[in-house]
Amino acid sequence: MDLPVLREILEAVSGITVFPREGSIAVLAHHLGMTPQNVRLWFEHRRMLLGVEAQEASEVDADMQEYQVYQLVDTLINNHAYQQYYAAKLCAQMGG
């Protein structure tokens, strides 16, 4: 996956939470072709950039955030695949 798409997805997820749970990290790593450690590091750096030190959220909030992360990643990955498919199809139709 190209860098602008990776960044778009990670930044979108950070809009939901800058403290993703291990399940969200695993999903991101799998879909983005990154290691879980690289995903953790990206969020660690994001928290440093934003000056976020700690998070106090209930389990319900954390569960909802994780669900939102799954939904967002799925939507963004599917949108990117859809755009690539139709761009390739259009190029083929135009003789490219």
Protein backbone atom coordinates (compact mmCIF):
# COMPACT_ATOMS: atom_id res chain seq x y z
CA MET A 1 0.00 0.00 0.00
CA ASP A 2 1.36 3.41 -0.86
CA LEU A 3 2.46 5.91 1.78
CA PRO A 4 -0.33 8.51 1.30
CA VAL A 5 -2.98 5.81 1.81
CA LEU A 6 -1.21 4.44 4.90
CA ARG A 7 -1.01 7.91 6.35
CA GLU A 8 -4.66 8.66 5.54
CA ILE A 9 -5.82 5.50 7.30
CA LEU A 10 -3.59 5.93 10.35
CA GLU A 11 -4.58 9.59 10.73
CA ALA A 12 -8.25 8.70 10.39
CA VAL A 13 -7.90 6.06 13.10
CA SER A 14 -6.06 8.52 15.33
CA GLY A 15 -9.13 10.73 15.04
CA ILE A 16 -11.00 8.00 16.91
CA THR A 17 -8.27 7.05 19.37
CA VAL A 18 -4.55 7.56 19.82
CA PHE A 19 -4.54 4.58 22.20
CA PRO A 20 -5.66 1.68 19.99
CA ARG A 21 -6.12 -1.70 21.63
CA GLU A 22 -4.10 -4.73 20.57
CA GLY A 23 -6.97 -5.99 18.40
CA SER A 24 -7.07 -2.73 16.47
CA ILE A 25 -3.29 -2.75 16.13
CA ALA A 26 -3.40 -6.28 14.72
CA VAL A 27 -6.13 -5.33 12.21
CA LEU A 28 -4.24 -2.23 11.10
CA ALA A 29 -0.96 -4.13 10.77
CA HIS A 30 -2.62 -6.86 8.71
CA HIS A 31 -4.49 -4.53 6.34
CA LEU A 32 -1.68 -2.03 5.94
CA GLY A 33 1.14 -4.55 5.51
CA MET A 34 2.95 -3.26 8.59
CA THR A 35 4.20 -5.03 11.69
CA PRO A 36 2.23 -4.51 14.90
CA GLN A 37 5.36 -2.88 16.37
CA ASN A 38 5.44 -0.32 13.54
CA VAL A 39 1.77 0.49 14.13
CA ARG A 40 2.43 0.92 17.88
CA LEU A 41 5.38 3.20 17.11
CA TRP A 42 3.31 5.31 14.73
CA PHE A 43 0.71 5.88 17.45
CA GLU A 44 3.40 6.55 20.05
CA HIS A 45 4.87 9.23 17.82
CA ARG A 46 1.40 10.60 17.09
CA ARG A 47 0.72 10.94 20.84
CA MET A 48 4.05 12.73 21.28
CA LEU A 49 3.21 15.08 18.42
CA LEU A 50 -0.20 15.83 19.91
CA GLY A 51 1.13 16.08 23.47
CA VAL A 52 -1.19 13.35 24.72
CA GLU A 53 0.08 11.67 27.87
CA ALA A 54 -2.67 9.50 29.26
CA GLN A 55 -6.15 8.35 28.48
CA GLU A 56 -8.90 7.63 30.92
CA ALA A 57 -11.72 5.82 29.21
CA SER A 58 -14.19 3.28 30.40
CA GLU A 59 -14.23 -0.24 28.95
CA VAL A 60 -17.44 0.63 27.08
CA ASP A 61 -15.75 3.63 25.48
CA ALA A 62 -12.75 1.50 24.55
CA ASP A 63 -14.99 -1.18 23.04
CA MET A 64 -16.85 1.44 21.00
CA GLN A 65 -13.57 2.97 19.82
CA GLU A 66 -12.28 -0.43 18.75
CA TYR A 67 -15.49 -1.11 16.81
CA GLN A 68 -15.21 2.30 15.14
CA VAL A 69 -11.59 1.57 14.20
CA TYR A 70 -12.60 -1.75 12.58
CA GLN A 71 -15.40 -0.06 10.63
CA LEU A 72 -13.18 2.83 9.51
CA VAL A 73 -10.31 0.60 8.37
CA ASP A 74 -12.69 -1.65 6.46
CA THR A 75 -14.33 1.32 4.75
CA LEU A 76 -11.06 3.03 3.83
CA ILE A 77 -9.43 -0.18 2.56
CA ASN A 78 -12.49 -1.01 0.45
CA ASN A 79 -12.67 2.55 -0.94
CA HIS A 80 -9.00 2.42 -1.91
CA ALA A 81 -9.40 -0.98 -3.60
CA TYR A 82 -12.53 0.29 -5.39
CA GLN A 83 -10.67 3.35 -6.70
CA GLN A 84 -7.73 1.25 -7.90
CA TYR A 85 -10.04 -1.22 -9.65
CA TYR A 86 -11.94 1.47 -11.55
CA ALA A 87 -8.80 3.43 -12.39
CA ALA A 88 -7.30 0.27 -13.93
CA LYS A 89 -10.54 -0.48 -15.75
CA LEU A 90 -10.71 3.05 -17.14
CA CYS A 91 -7.08 2.86 -18.31
CA ALA A 92 -7.81 -0.46 -20.05
CA GLN A 93 -10.85 1.02 -21.80
CA MET A 94 -8.80 4.00 -22.95
CA GLY A 95 -6.14 1.69 -24.38
CA GLY A 96 -3.56 2.38 -21.65
